[in-house]
Amino acid sequence: MKLLATKKLSISLKEKLIQNEFSLIEHPFIQIKSLPVKIKTTQKNLIFTSQNAIEIAFSNPKISPLLGGKKCFCVGEKSKSILEENGQEVIKYAQNSSELALFLTKNYKNEAFSFFCGKRRRPEIETFFSLNNSSSGVIEIYDTLLTPKTFDKSFGGILFFSPSAVSSFFMANSWNLKTHGFCIGKTTATTLENFTKNFSIAKEPNETELLLSINNYYKLDYDQK
């Protein structure tokens, strides 16, 4: 079965797909561009809703020294791991921004936060700020550029890892009725649902669960059609 991945996959996931007899084409439908940032201090609580924000923040020599010893709140298990690898204390990681905003509303509504993010982002964290604490701040440290590409060939499955990648794909392609989408999480799936109902969502937003979603579809659903 031929799959299209809308970003470069990890070596581990790529090898597992090939071992399971999938053929694979990769094209990064988005690119991340760091933005210049001028900050002198951060709040004692930090929020990250993407791995890109974490990697850019900790690789920036002007930002990184301001992050040590702070309490972190993030979206995604992988984000949690990256933060801990950088010596940070992760108080809470959630599956998506909505879940994290709900947790903060219940437990930290009187606290101040620095939210490191991209220019394209979900609104839930800023809604929490506006309703609970005006002293919290949004720090945009990257932009997401769409890099669409037209594919004339059809694919049995397409792997999506972000809402932006979904938007980029449909700028240059239409959806084949025989194609099945595989989404890393619910937020990505919400965007894909605007174009097709034919997709699966990983039970948790990580590569292991995404691979299980792919294998389960082709071993169970696809064989019965």
N, C-alpha and C. Protein backbone atom coordinates (compact mmCIF):
# COMPACT_ATOMS: atom_id res chain seq x y z
N MET A 1 0.84 -1.19 0.00
CA MET A 1 0.00 0.00 0.00
C MET A 1 0.88 1.24 0.00
N LYS A 2 0.51 2.23 -0.82
CA LYS A 2 1.31 3.44 -0.97
C LYS A 2 0.81 4.52 -0.01
N LEU A 3 1.74 5.08 0.78
CA LEU A 3 1.41 6.12 1.74
C LEU A 3 2.15 7.42 1.40
N LEU A 4 1.51 8.54 1.72
CA LEU A 4 2.15 9.85 1.63
C LEU A 4 2.24 10.42 3.03
N ALA A 5 3.45 10.79 3.45
CA ALA A 5 3.64 11.45 4.73
C ALA A 5 3.84 12.94 4.48
N THR A 6 3.10 13.77 5.19
CA THR A 6 3.15 15.21 4.95
C THR A 6 4.26 15.90 5.73
N LYS A 7 5.21 15.12 6.24
CA LYS A 7 6.45 15.65 6.79
C LYS A 7 7.49 14.54 6.74
N LYS A 8 8.75 14.89 6.97
CA LYS A 8 9.81 13.89 7.05
C LYS A 8 9.61 13.08 8.33
N LEU A 9 9.56 11.77 8.19
CA LEU A 9 9.31 10.91 9.33
C LEU A 9 10.60 10.57 10.06
N SER A 10 10.46 10.16 11.32
CA SER A 10 11.62 9.67 12.04
C SER A 10 12.09 8.37 11.40
N ILE A 11 13.35 8.08 11.55
CA ILE A 11 13.90 6.85 10.98
C ILE A 11 13.17 5.63 11.53
N SER A 12 12.85 5.66 12.81
CA SER A 12 12.16 4.53 13.44
C SER A 12 10.81 4.26 12.82
N LEU A 13 9.98 5.30 12.66
CA LEU A 13 8.65 5.13 12.08
C LEU A 13 8.75 4.70 10.63
N LYS A 14 9.68 5.29 9.90
CA LYS A 14 9.85 4.94 8.49
C LYS A 14 10.22 3.46 8.33
N GLU A 15 11.14 3.01 9.15
CA GLU A 15 11.57 1.61 9.07
C GLU A 15 10.43 0.65 9.40
N LYS A 16 9.62 1.01 10.39
CA LYS A 16 8.51 0.14 10.78
C LYS A 16 7.45 0.07 9.68
N LEU A 17 7.20 1.17 9.01
CA LEU A 17 6.24 1.17 7.91
C LEU A 17 6.74 0.30 6.75
N ILE A 18 8.02 0.44 6.44
CA ILE A 18 8.60 -0.36 5.35
C ILE A 18 8.60 -1.85 5.72
N GLN A 19 8.89 -2.15 6.99
CA GLN A 19 8.86 -3.53 7.44
C GLN A 19 7.47 -4.14 7.31
N ASN A 20 6.45 -3.29 7.45
CA ASN A 20 5.06 -3.74 7.32
C ASN A 20 4.57 -3.67 5.87
N GLU A 21 5.52 -3.52 4.94
CA GLU A 21 5.28 -3.61 3.49
C GLU A 21 4.48 -2.43 2.94
N PHE A 22 4.65 -1.26 3.56
CA PHE A 22 4.10 -0.03 2.99
C PHE A 22 5.18 0.63 2.14
N SER A 23 4.80 1.18 1.00
CA SER A 23 5.70 2.05 0.25
C SER A 23 5.42 3.47 0.69
N LEU A 24 6.42 4.32 0.68
CA LEU A 24 6.29 5.61 1.33
C LEU A 24 6.91 6.74 0.51
N ILE A 25 6.16 7.84 0.41
CA ILE A 25 6.69 9.08 -0.16
C ILE A 25 6.53 10.16 0.91
N GLU A 26 7.59 10.94 1.12
CA GLU A 26 7.56 12.00 2.11
C GLU A 26 7.69 13.36 1.42
N HIS A 27 6.88 14.31 1.85
CA HIS A 27 7.05 15.70 1.41
C HIS A 27 6.65 16.60 2.56
N PRO A 28 7.54 17.50 3.00
CA PRO A 28 7.19 18.44 4.08
C PRO A 28 6.26 19.53 3.57
N PHE A 29 5.00 19.46 3.94
CA PHE A 29 4.01 20.43 3.46
C PHE A 29 4.06 21.74 4.24
N ILE A 30 4.89 21.81 5.27
CA ILE A 30 5.10 23.07 5.98
C ILE A 30 6.58 23.23 6.28
N GLN A 31 6.99 24.46 6.48
CA GLN A 31 8.34 24.77 6.94
C GLN A 31 8.24 25.71 8.13
N ILE A 32 9.17 25.56 9.06
CA ILE A 32 9.19 26.39 10.26
C ILE A 32 10.27 27.45 10.13
N LYS A 33 9.89 28.70 10.35
CA LYS A 33 10.81 29.83 10.26
C LYS A 33 10.89 30.53 11.62
N SER A 34 12.08 30.56 12.20
CA SER A 34 12.26 31.25 13.48
C SER A 34 12.05 32.75 13.30
N LEU A 35 11.50 33.39 14.33
CA LEU A 35 11.26 34.82 14.31
C LEU A 35 12.19 35.52 15.31
N PRO A 36 12.62 36.73 15.01
CA PRO A 36 13.43 37.47 15.99
C PRO A 36 12.58 37.83 17.21
N VAL A 37 13.15 37.64 18.39
CA VAL A 37 12.42 37.87 19.63
C VAL A 37 13.28 38.71 20.57
N LYS A 38 12.67 39.73 21.17
CA LYS A 38 13.36 40.53 22.16
C LYS A 38 12.60 40.45 23.48
N ILE A 39 13.11 39.66 24.40
CA ILE A 39 12.53 39.56 25.74
C ILE A 39 13.64 39.62 26.77
N LYS A 40 13.33 40.19 27.92
CA LYS A 40 14.33 40.30 28.98
C LYS A 40 14.00 39.40 30.18
N THR A 41 12.76 38.95 30.26
CA THR A 41 12.37 38.11 31.37
C THR A 41 11.17 37.26 30.96
N THR A 42 10.88 36.24 31.75
CA THR A 42 9.69 35.41 31.54
C THR A 42 8.98 35.22 32.87
N GLN A 43 7.73 34.81 32.80
CA GLN A 43 6.99 34.48 34.01
C GLN A 43 7.52 33.17 34.60
N LYS A 44 7.11 32.85 35.80
CA LYS A 44 7.61 31.64 36.45
C LYS A 44 6.99 30.38 35.89
N ASN A 45 5.92 30.53 35.10
CA ASN A 45 5.26 29.40 34.46
C ASN A 45 5.35 29.56 32.94
N LEU A 46 5.73 28.48 32.26
CA LEU A 46 5.90 28.51 30.81
C LEU A 46 4.93 27.55 30.14
N ILE A 47 4.37 27.96 29.02
CA ILE A 47 3.47 27.10 28.24
C ILE A 47 4.05 26.89 26.85
N PHE A 48 4.06 25.63 26.42
CA PHE A 48 4.47 25.27 25.06
C PHE A 48 3.40 24.33 24.49
N THR A 49 2.85 24.68 23.34
CA THR A 49 1.85 23.81 22.72
C THR A 49 2.39 23.12 21.47
N SER A 50 3.69 23.28 21.19
CA SER A 50 4.28 22.58 20.05
C SER A 50 5.73 22.26 20.32
N GLN A 51 6.21 21.18 19.70
CA GLN A 51 7.62 20.81 19.81
C GLN A 51 8.50 21.88 19.15
N ASN A 52 8.01 22.48 18.08
CA ASN A 52 8.79 23.52 17.40
C ASN A 52 9.13 24.66 18.34
N ALA A 53 8.15 25.09 19.13
CA ALA A 53 8.37 26.19 20.06
C ALA A 53 9.44 25.83 21.09
N ILE A 54 9.40 24.60 21.58
CA ILE A 54 10.38 24.16 22.57
C ILE A 54 11.78 24.15 21.98
N GLU A 55 11.91 23.53 20.81
CA GLU A 55 13.23 23.39 20.19
C GLU A 55 13.83 24.75 19.83
N ILE A 56 13.00 25.66 19.34
CA ILE A 56 13.49 26.98 18.97
C ILE A 56 13.86 27.78 20.22
N ALA A 57 13.02 27.72 21.24
CA ALA A 57 13.28 28.48 22.47
C ALA A 57 14.59 28.05 23.12
N PHE A 58 14.82 26.74 23.22
CA PHE A 58 16.00 26.27 23.93
C PHE A 58 17.27 26.33 23.08
N SER A 59 17.12 26.53 21.78
CA SER A 59 18.29 26.69 20.93
C SER A 59 18.65 28.16 20.72
N ASN A 60 17.79 29.06 21.19
CA ASN A 60 18.04 30.49 21.05
C ASN A 60 18.87 30.97 22.25
N PRO A 61 20.09 31.46 22.01
CA PRO A 61 20.97 31.86 23.12
C PRO A 61 20.45 33.03 23.95
N LYS A 62 19.50 33.79 23.41
CA LYS A 62 18.93 34.90 24.16
C LYS A 62 17.72 34.48 24.99
N ILE A 63 17.04 33.42 24.53
CA ILE A 63 15.84 32.96 25.24
C ILE A 63 16.17 31.88 26.27
N SER A 64 17.02 30.95 25.89
CA SER A 64 17.31 29.79 26.73
C SER A 64 17.71 30.13 28.17
N PRO A 65 18.56 31.13 28.41
CA PRO A 65 18.93 31.45 29.79
C PRO A 65 17.76 31.92 30.66
N LEU A 66 16.66 32.32 30.04
CA LEU A 66 15.50 32.81 30.78
C LEU A 66 14.53 31.70 31.18
N LEU A 67 14.82 30.46 30.77
CA LEU A 67 13.86 29.38 30.93
C LEU A 67 14.16 28.46 32.11
N GLY A 68 15.39 28.44 32.57
CA GLY A 68 15.78 27.51 33.62
C GLY A 68 15.04 27.74 34.93
N GLY A 69 14.67 26.64 35.59
CA GLY A 69 14.03 26.71 36.89
C GLY A 69 12.56 27.09 36.85
N LYS A 70 11.98 27.17 35.67
CA LYS A 70 10.57 27.53 35.55
C LYS A 70 9.69 26.28 35.48
N LYS A 71 8.43 26.43 35.85
CA LYS A 71 7.47 25.34 35.75
C LYS A 71 6.88 25.33 34.34
N CYS A 72 6.81 24.14 33.74
CA CYS A 72 6.36 24.04 32.36
C CYS A 72 5.05 23.28 32.22
N PHE A 73 4.27 23.72 31.27
CA PHE A 73 3.00 23.10 30.91
C PHE A 73 3.01 22.96 29.39
N CYS A 74 2.65 21.79 28.88
CA CYS A 74 2.82 21.58 27.44
C CYS A 74 1.76 20.66 26.87
N VAL A 75 1.74 20.59 25.55
CA VAL A 75 0.86 19.69 24.81
C VAL A 75 1.71 18.59 24.18
N GLY A 76 1.39 17.34 24.49
CA GLY A 76 2.06 16.22 23.86
C GLY A 76 3.12 15.56 24.73
N GLU A 77 3.13 14.24 24.69
CA GLU A 77 4.11 13.47 25.45
C GLU A 77 5.53 13.72 24.96
N LYS A 78 5.70 13.87 23.64
CA LYS A 78 7.03 14.14 23.09
C LYS A 78 7.53 15.49 23.56
N SER A 79 6.65 16.48 23.63
CA SER A 79 7.04 17.80 24.14
C SER A 79 7.51 17.70 25.59
N LYS A 80 6.81 16.91 26.36
CA LYS A 80 7.21 16.69 27.76
C LYS A 80 8.62 16.11 27.83
N SER A 81 8.89 15.13 26.98
CA SER A 81 10.21 14.50 26.98
C SER A 81 11.31 15.49 26.61
N ILE A 82 11.04 16.33 25.61
CA ILE A 82 12.04 17.30 25.17
C ILE A 82 12.32 18.32 26.28
N LEU A 83 11.27 18.75 26.96
CA LEU A 83 11.45 19.70 28.06
C LEU A 83 12.28 19.08 29.19
N GLU A 84 11.98 17.84 29.51
CA GLU A 84 12.72 17.18 30.58
C GLU A 84 14.17 16.94 30.19
N GLU A 85 14.41 16.68 28.91
CA GLU A 85 15.79 16.53 28.43
C GLU A 85 16.57 17.83 28.59
N ASN A 86 15.83 18.94 28.58
CA ASN A 86 16.46 20.25 28.77
C ASN A 86 16.47 20.67 30.24
N GLY A 87 16.17 19.73 31.13
CA GLY A 87 16.25 20.00 32.56
C GLY A 87 15.07 20.73 33.15
N GLN A 88 13.94 20.76 32.44
CA GLN A 88 12.78 21.49 32.92
C GLN A 88 11.83 20.60 33.72
N GLU A 89 11.14 21.21 34.65
CA GLU A 89 10.10 20.51 35.42
C GLU A 89 8.77 20.67 34.69
N VAL A 90 8.18 19.56 34.30
CA VAL A 90 6.89 19.59 33.60
C VAL A 90 5.78 19.29 34.60
N ILE A 91 4.97 20.26 34.88
CA ILE A 91 3.88 20.10 35.84
C ILE A 91 2.72 19.33 35.22
N LYS A 92 2.44 19.61 33.96
CA LYS A 92 1.29 18.98 33.29
C LYS A 92 1.53 18.93 31.79
N TYR A 93 1.27 17.77 31.18
CA TYR A 93 1.19 17.71 29.72
C TYR A 93 -0.19 17.19 29.34
N ALA A 94 -0.76 17.76 28.31
CA ALA A 94 -2.11 17.42 27.87
C ALA A 94 -2.07 16.93 26.43
N GLN A 95 -3.17 16.36 25.99
CA GLN A 95 -3.25 15.85 24.62
C GLN A 95 -3.46 16.96 23.60
N ASN A 96 -4.05 18.07 24.02
CA ASN A 96 -4.30 19.18 23.10
C ASN A 96 -4.46 20.47 23.89
N SER A 97 -4.57 21.57 23.18
CA SER A 97 -4.65 22.88 23.83
C SER A 97 -5.92 23.05 24.66
N SER A 98 -7.01 22.47 24.19
CA SER A 98 -8.27 22.58 24.93
C SER A 98 -8.16 21.90 26.29
N GLU A 99 -7.57 20.72 26.31
CA GLU A 99 -7.40 19.99 27.56
C GLU A 99 -6.47 20.74 28.51
N LEU A 100 -5.41 21.32 27.97
CA LEU A 100 -4.47 22.06 28.81
C LEU A 100 -5.13 23.32 29.37
N ALA A 101 -5.88 24.03 28.54
CA ALA A 101 -6.55 25.25 29.00
C ALA A 101 -7.56 24.93 30.11
N LEU A 102 -8.24 23.81 29.99
CA LEU A 102 -9.20 23.41 31.02
C LEU A 102 -8.49 23.11 32.34
N PHE A 103 -7.34 22.41 32.25
CA PHE A 103 -6.55 22.12 33.45
C PHE A 103 -6.08 23.41 34.12
N LEU A 104 -5.59 24.34 33.33
CA LEU A 104 -5.10 25.60 33.88
C LEU A 104 -6.23 26.40 34.52
N THR A 105 -7.39 26.38 33.91
CA THR A 105 -8.54 27.10 34.45
C THR A 105 -8.93 26.55 35.82
N LYS A 106 -8.86 25.24 35.97
CA LYS A 106 -9.25 24.60 37.23
C LYS A 106 -8.19 24.75 38.32
N ASN A 107 -6.92 24.81 37.92
CA ASN A 107 -5.85 24.70 38.92
C ASN A 107 -4.90 25.89 39.01
N TYR A 108 -4.82 26.73 37.95
CA TYR A 108 -3.81 27.79 37.93
C TYR A 108 -4.37 29.11 37.42
N LYS A 109 -5.63 29.38 37.67
CA LYS A 109 -6.24 30.55 37.07
C LYS A 109 -5.70 31.87 37.62
N ASN A 110 -5.05 31.84 38.77
CA ASN A 110 -4.50 33.07 39.34
C ASN A 110 -3.01 33.24 39.08
N GLU A 111 -2.43 32.32 38.29
CA GLU A 111 -1.01 32.36 37.98
C GLU A 111 -0.73 33.12 36.68
N ALA A 112 0.50 33.58 36.53
CA ALA A 112 0.92 34.26 35.30
C ALA A 112 1.81 33.32 34.48
N PHE A 113 1.70 33.40 33.17
CA PHE A 113 2.40 32.48 32.27
C PHE A 113 3.08 33.24 31.13
N SER A 114 4.15 32.64 30.61
CA SER A 114 4.72 33.04 29.32
C SER A 114 4.43 31.92 28.33
N PHE A 115 3.75 32.26 27.26
CA PHE A 115 3.31 31.27 26.27
C PHE A 115 4.17 31.40 25.02
N PHE A 116 5.06 30.42 24.79
CA PHE A 116 5.92 30.40 23.61
C PHE A 116 5.21 29.63 22.50
N CYS A 117 5.08 30.25 21.33
CA CYS A 117 4.23 29.65 20.31
C CYS A 117 4.59 30.17 18.92
N GLY A 118 3.87 29.66 17.92
CA GLY A 118 4.00 30.13 16.56
C GLY A 118 2.90 31.11 16.21
N LYS A 119 3.01 31.73 15.04
CA LYS A 119 1.99 32.69 14.62
C LYS A 119 0.67 32.01 14.29
N ARG A 120 0.74 30.74 13.85
CA ARG A 120 -0.47 29.95 13.60
C ARG A 120 -0.69 29.06 14.82
N ARG A 121 -1.78 29.25 15.52
CA ARG A 121 -2.00 28.49 16.75
C ARG A 121 -3.48 28.45 17.09
N ARG A 122 -3.83 27.51 17.93
CA ARG A 122 -5.19 27.41 18.44
C ARG A 122 -5.44 28.53 19.45
N PRO A 123 -6.70 28.93 19.65
CA PRO A 123 -7.00 30.10 20.50
C PRO A 123 -7.19 29.79 21.98
N GLU A 124 -7.20 28.51 22.37
CA GLU A 124 -7.65 28.16 23.73
C GLU A 124 -6.79 28.77 24.84
N ILE A 125 -5.46 28.78 24.65
CA ILE A 125 -4.59 29.30 25.70
C ILE A 125 -4.81 30.80 25.89
N GLU A 126 -4.92 31.53 24.81
CA GLU A 126 -5.15 32.97 24.92
C GLU A 126 -6.54 33.29 25.47
N THR A 127 -7.50 32.43 25.19
CA THR A 127 -8.83 32.60 25.80
C THR A 127 -8.74 32.44 27.30
N PHE A 128 -7.96 31.46 27.74
CA PHE A 128 -7.71 31.28 29.18
C PHE A 128 -7.07 32.53 29.77
N PHE A 129 -6.09 33.09 29.08
CA PHE A 129 -5.44 34.32 29.56
C PHE A 129 -6.46 35.44 29.73
N SER A 130 -7.26 35.64 28.70
CA SER A 130 -8.18 36.78 28.71
C SER A 130 -9.25 36.65 29.79
N LEU A 131 -9.60 35.42 30.13
CA LEU A 131 -10.64 35.20 31.13
C LEU A 131 -10.11 35.15 32.55
N ASN A 132 -8.80 34.89 32.69
CA ASN A 132 -8.29 34.62 34.04
C ASN A 132 -7.11 35.48 34.48
N ASN A 133 -6.23 35.85 33.57
CA ASN A 133 -5.03 36.55 34.02
C ASN A 133 -4.43 37.41 32.92
N SER A 134 -4.60 38.70 33.01
CA SER A 134 -4.14 39.59 31.96
C SER A 134 -2.62 39.80 31.98
N SER A 135 -1.94 39.39 33.05
CA SER A 135 -0.50 39.60 33.15
C SER A 135 0.30 38.54 32.38
N SER A 136 -0.37 37.50 31.89
CA SER A 136 0.29 36.48 31.09
C SER A 136 0.59 37.03 29.70
N GLY A 137 1.63 36.48 29.06
CA GLY A 137 2.04 37.03 27.78
C GLY A 137 2.26 35.98 26.71
N VAL A 138 2.01 36.36 25.46
CA VAL A 138 2.23 35.50 24.30
C VAL A 138 3.53 35.92 23.63
N ILE A 139 4.42 34.95 23.38
CA ILE A 139 5.70 35.22 22.75
C ILE A 139 5.80 34.39 21.48
N GLU A 140 5.62 35.02 20.34
CA GLU A 140 5.68 34.33 19.05
C GLU A 140 7.15 34.17 18.64
N ILE A 141 7.59 32.93 18.51
CA ILE A 141 9.00 32.70 18.18
C ILE A 141 9.21 32.00 16.84
N TYR A 142 8.11 31.63 16.16
CA TYR A 142 8.27 31.05 14.83
C TYR A 142 7.01 31.24 14.00
N ASP A 143 7.18 31.10 12.70
CA ASP A 143 6.05 31.14 11.79
C ASP A 143 6.01 29.83 11.01
N THR A 144 4.83 29.41 10.61
CA THR A 144 4.65 28.19 9.84
C THR A 144 4.35 28.56 8.40
N LEU A 145 5.23 28.20 7.50
CA LEU A 145 5.06 28.51 6.08
C LEU A 145 4.50 27.29 5.36
N LEU A 146 3.48 27.49 4.54
CA LEU A 146 2.88 26.40 3.79
C LEU A 146 3.70 26.13 2.53
N THR A 147 4.01 24.86 2.29
CA THR A 147 4.81 24.48 1.12
C THR A 147 4.09 23.38 0.35
N PRO A 148 3.00 23.73 -0.32
CA PRO A 148 2.21 22.71 -1.03
C PRO A 148 2.94 22.13 -2.23
N LYS A 149 2.55 20.94 -2.61
CA LYS A 149 3.07 20.28 -3.81
C LYS A 149 1.95 19.44 -4.41
N THR A 150 1.83 19.49 -5.71
CA THR A 150 0.80 18.72 -6.39
C THR A 150 1.29 17.30 -6.67
N PHE A 151 0.45 16.32 -6.35
CA PHE A 151 0.74 14.92 -6.66
C PHE A 151 -0.32 14.41 -7.62
N ASP A 152 0.11 13.94 -8.78
CA ASP A 152 -0.82 13.40 -9.76
C ASP A 152 -1.24 11.97 -9.41
N LYS A 153 -0.37 11.26 -8.72
CA LYS A 153 -0.66 9.89 -8.34
C LYS A 153 -1.57 9.85 -7.11
N SER A 154 -2.27 8.75 -6.94
CA SER A 154 -3.13 8.59 -5.78
C SER A 154 -2.43 7.76 -4.72
N PHE A 155 -2.89 7.92 -3.48
CA PHE A 155 -2.29 7.21 -2.35
C PHE A 155 -3.38 6.45 -1.59
N GLY A 156 -2.99 5.30 -1.06
CA GLY A 156 -3.93 4.56 -0.23
C GLY A 156 -4.17 5.25 1.09
N GLY A 157 -3.13 5.90 1.62
CA GLY A 157 -3.25 6.61 2.88
C GLY A 157 -2.36 7.84 2.91
N ILE A 158 -2.79 8.86 3.65
CA ILE A 158 -1.99 10.08 3.81
C ILE A 158 -1.87 10.38 5.30
N LEU A 159 -0.65 10.63 5.76
CA LEU A 159 -0.37 10.87 7.16
C LEU A 159 -0.28 12.38 7.41
N PHE A 160 -1.10 12.87 8.35
CA PHE A 160 -1.12 14.30 8.66
C PHE A 160 -0.69 14.50 10.12
N PHE A 161 0.16 15.54 10.33
CA PHE A 161 0.71 15.78 11.66
C PHE A 161 0.36 17.16 12.21
N SER A 162 -0.33 17.98 11.43
CA SER A 162 -0.71 19.30 11.92
C SER A 162 -1.83 19.86 11.06
N PRO A 163 -2.64 20.76 11.62
CA PRO A 163 -3.67 21.42 10.82
C PRO A 163 -3.09 22.18 9.64
N SER A 164 -1.92 22.80 9.82
CA SER A 164 -1.30 23.56 8.74
C SER A 164 -0.94 22.68 7.56
N ALA A 165 -0.47 21.46 7.85
CA ALA A 165 -0.12 20.52 6.78
C ALA A 165 -1.36 20.10 6.00
N VAL A 166 -2.48 19.96 6.71
CA VAL A 166 -3.74 19.65 6.02
C VAL A 166 -4.10 20.78 5.06
N SER A 167 -4.04 22.01 5.54
CA SER A 167 -4.37 23.16 4.69
C SER A 167 -3.43 23.23 3.50
N SER A 168 -2.15 22.98 3.73
CA SER A 168 -1.17 23.04 2.65
C SER A 168 -1.43 21.97 1.60
N PHE A 169 -1.75 20.76 2.04
CA PHE A 169 -2.04 19.67 1.10
C PHE A 169 -3.19 20.04 0.17
N PHE A 170 -4.26 20.58 0.72
CA PHE A 170 -5.45 20.85 -0.09
C PHE A 170 -5.33 22.12 -0.92
N MET A 171 -4.26 22.88 -0.74
CA MET A 171 -4.00 24.01 -1.63
C MET A 171 -3.64 23.54 -3.03
N ALA A 172 -3.11 22.32 -3.14
CA ALA A 172 -2.62 21.84 -4.44
C ALA A 172 -3.19 20.48 -4.83
N ASN A 173 -4.03 19.88 -3.97
CA ASN A 173 -4.51 18.53 -4.24
C ASN A 173 -5.97 18.39 -3.86
N SER A 174 -6.65 17.45 -4.49
CA SER A 174 -8.00 17.08 -4.09
C SER A 174 -7.95 15.72 -3.42
N TRP A 175 -9.05 15.32 -2.82
CA TRP A 175 -9.09 14.08 -2.06
C TRP A 175 -9.66 12.95 -2.90
N ASN A 176 -8.91 11.87 -3.02
CA ASN A 176 -9.39 10.68 -3.71
C ASN A 176 -10.30 9.88 -2.78
N LEU A 177 -11.44 9.45 -3.29
CA LEU A 177 -12.41 8.74 -2.45
C LEU A 177 -11.86 7.43 -1.89
N LYS A 178 -10.83 6.88 -2.52
CA LYS A 178 -10.24 5.63 -2.05
C LYS A 178 -9.10 5.86 -1.05
N THR A 179 -8.81 7.13 -0.77
CA THR A 179 -7.73 7.46 0.16
C THR A 179 -8.24 7.54 1.58
N HIS A 180 -7.42 7.07 2.53
CA HIS A 180 -7.76 7.17 3.95
C HIS A 180 -6.74 8.06 4.64
N GLY A 181 -7.21 8.98 5.48
CA GLY A 181 -6.31 9.86 6.20
C GLY A 181 -5.96 9.32 7.57
N PHE A 182 -4.75 9.58 8.02
CA PHE A 182 -4.31 9.15 9.36
C PHE A 182 -3.78 10.39 10.08
N CYS A 183 -4.45 10.78 11.16
CA CYS A 183 -4.14 12.02 11.87
C CYS A 183 -3.44 11.73 13.19
N ILE A 184 -2.44 12.54 13.51
CA ILE A 184 -1.68 12.36 14.74
C ILE A 184 -2.51 12.72 15.96
N GLY A 185 -3.51 13.61 15.79
CA GLY A 185 -4.32 14.03 16.93
C GLY A 185 -5.63 14.64 16.52
N LYS A 186 -6.44 14.99 17.51
CA LYS A 186 -7.79 15.49 17.27
C LYS A 186 -7.80 16.85 16.60
N THR A 187 -6.85 17.70 16.94
CA THR A 187 -6.83 19.04 16.34
C THR A 187 -6.58 18.96 14.84
N THR A 188 -5.65 18.10 14.44
CA THR A 188 -5.39 17.87 13.03
C THR A 188 -6.62 17.28 12.34
N ALA A 189 -7.27 16.34 13.02
CA ALA A 189 -8.46 15.69 12.46
C ALA A 189 -9.60 16.68 12.26
N THR A 190 -9.73 17.65 13.15
CA THR A 190 -10.79 18.65 13.02
C THR A 190 -10.64 19.44 11.72
N THR A 191 -9.40 19.73 11.33
CA THR A 191 -9.16 20.43 10.07
C THR A 191 -9.42 19.52 8.88
N LEU A 192 -8.96 18.27 8.95
CA LEU A 192 -9.17 17.33 7.84
C LEU A 192 -10.64 17.04 7.63
N GLU A 193 -11.42 17.11 8.69
CA GLU A 193 -12.85 16.82 8.59
C GLU A 193 -13.58 17.82 7.70
N ASN A 194 -12.96 18.95 7.46
CA ASN A 194 -13.56 19.93 6.54
C ASN A 194 -13.51 19.46 5.08
N PHE A 195 -12.68 18.44 4.81
CA PHE A 195 -12.47 17.98 3.45
C PHE A 195 -12.94 16.54 3.21
N THR A 196 -12.91 15.71 4.26
CA THR A 196 -13.30 14.30 4.11
C THR A 196 -13.67 13.72 5.48
N LYS A 197 -14.51 12.71 5.46
CA LYS A 197 -14.85 11.99 6.69
C LYS A 197 -14.05 10.69 6.77
N ASN A 198 -13.22 10.45 5.76
CA ASN A 198 -12.52 9.17 5.66
C ASN A 198 -11.14 9.27 6.30
N PHE A 199 -11.11 9.17 7.63
CA PHE A 199 -9.83 9.26 8.32
C PHE A 199 -9.90 8.57 9.69
N SER A 200 -8.73 8.29 10.23
CA SER A 200 -8.59 7.72 11.57
C SER A 200 -7.73 8.66 12.41
N ILE A 201 -7.89 8.58 13.73
CA ILE A 201 -7.12 9.42 14.65
C ILE A 201 -6.35 8.51 15.61
N ALA A 202 -5.07 8.79 15.79
CA ALA A 202 -4.28 8.04 16.77
C ALA A 202 -4.88 8.24 18.16
N LYS A 203 -4.92 7.18 18.96
CA LYS A 203 -5.51 7.26 20.29
C LYS A 203 -4.77 8.27 21.16
N GLU A 204 -3.48 8.37 20.97
CA GLU A 204 -2.67 9.39 21.63
C GLU A 204 -1.75 10.00 20.57
N PRO A 205 -1.40 11.28 20.70
CA PRO A 205 -0.62 11.94 19.64
C PRO A 205 0.86 11.59 19.67
N ASN A 206 1.17 10.35 19.28
CA ASN A 206 2.57 9.95 19.18
C ASN A 206 2.72 8.94 18.05
N GLU A 207 3.96 8.67 17.67
CA GLU A 207 4.22 7.82 16.51
C GLU A 207 3.75 6.38 16.73
N THR A 208 3.89 5.88 17.95
CA THR A 208 3.49 4.51 18.24
C THR A 208 2.01 4.30 17.98
N GLU A 209 1.20 5.24 18.47
CA GLU A 209 -0.25 5.12 18.29
C GLU A 209 -0.65 5.40 16.84
N LEU A 210 0.08 6.27 16.17
CA LEU A 210 -0.21 6.52 14.75
C LEU A 210 0.06 5.25 13.94
N LEU A 211 1.16 4.57 14.22
CA LEU A 211 1.47 3.33 13.52
C LEU A 211 0.40 2.28 13.78
N LEU A 212 -0.07 2.18 15.02
CA LEU A 212 -1.14 1.24 15.35
C LEU A 212 -2.41 1.57 14.57
N SER A 213 -2.70 2.88 14.44
CA SER A 213 -3.88 3.31 13.69
C SER A 213 -3.79 2.87 12.23
N ILE A 214 -2.61 3.00 11.65
CA ILE A 214 -2.40 2.60 10.26
C ILE A 214 -2.54 1.09 10.11
N ASN A 215 -1.86 0.36 10.97
CA ASN A 215 -1.89 -1.11 10.89
C ASN A 215 -3.30 -1.65 11.12
N ASN A 216 -4.00 -1.07 12.09
CA ASN A 216 -5.36 -1.55 12.39
C ASN A 216 -6.30 -1.32 11.22
N TYR A 217 -6.16 -0.18 10.57
CA TYR A 217 -7.04 0.11 9.44
C TYR A 217 -6.84 -0.89 8.32
N TYR A 218 -5.60 -1.14 7.96
CA TYR A 218 -5.34 -2.02 6.81
C TYR A 218 -5.51 -3.49 7.14
N LYS A 219 -5.39 -3.86 8.41
CA LYS A 219 -5.58 -5.27 8.78
C LYS A 219 -7.04 -5.60 9.03
N LEU A 220 -7.81 -4.60 9.48
CA LEU A 220 -9.20 -4.86 9.83
C LEU A 220 -10.17 -4.24 8.83
N ASP A 221 -10.23 -2.91 8.79
CA ASP A 221 -11.22 -2.23 7.96
C ASP A 221 -10.99 -2.46 6.48
N TYR A 222 -9.77 -2.25 6.04
CA TYR A 222 -9.50 -2.32 4.59
C TYR A 222 -9.74 -3.72 4.03
N ASP A 223 -9.37 -4.75 4.80
CA ASP A 223 -9.53 -6.12 4.31
C ASP A 223 -10.99 -6.52 4.18
N GLN A 224 -11.87 -5.80 4.91
CA GLN A 224 -13.28 -6.19 4.87
C GLN A 224 -14.05 -5.50 3.74
N LYS A 225 -13.37 -4.58 3.03
CA LYS A 225 -14.07 -3.84 1.96
C LYS A 225 -14.00 -4.59 0.65
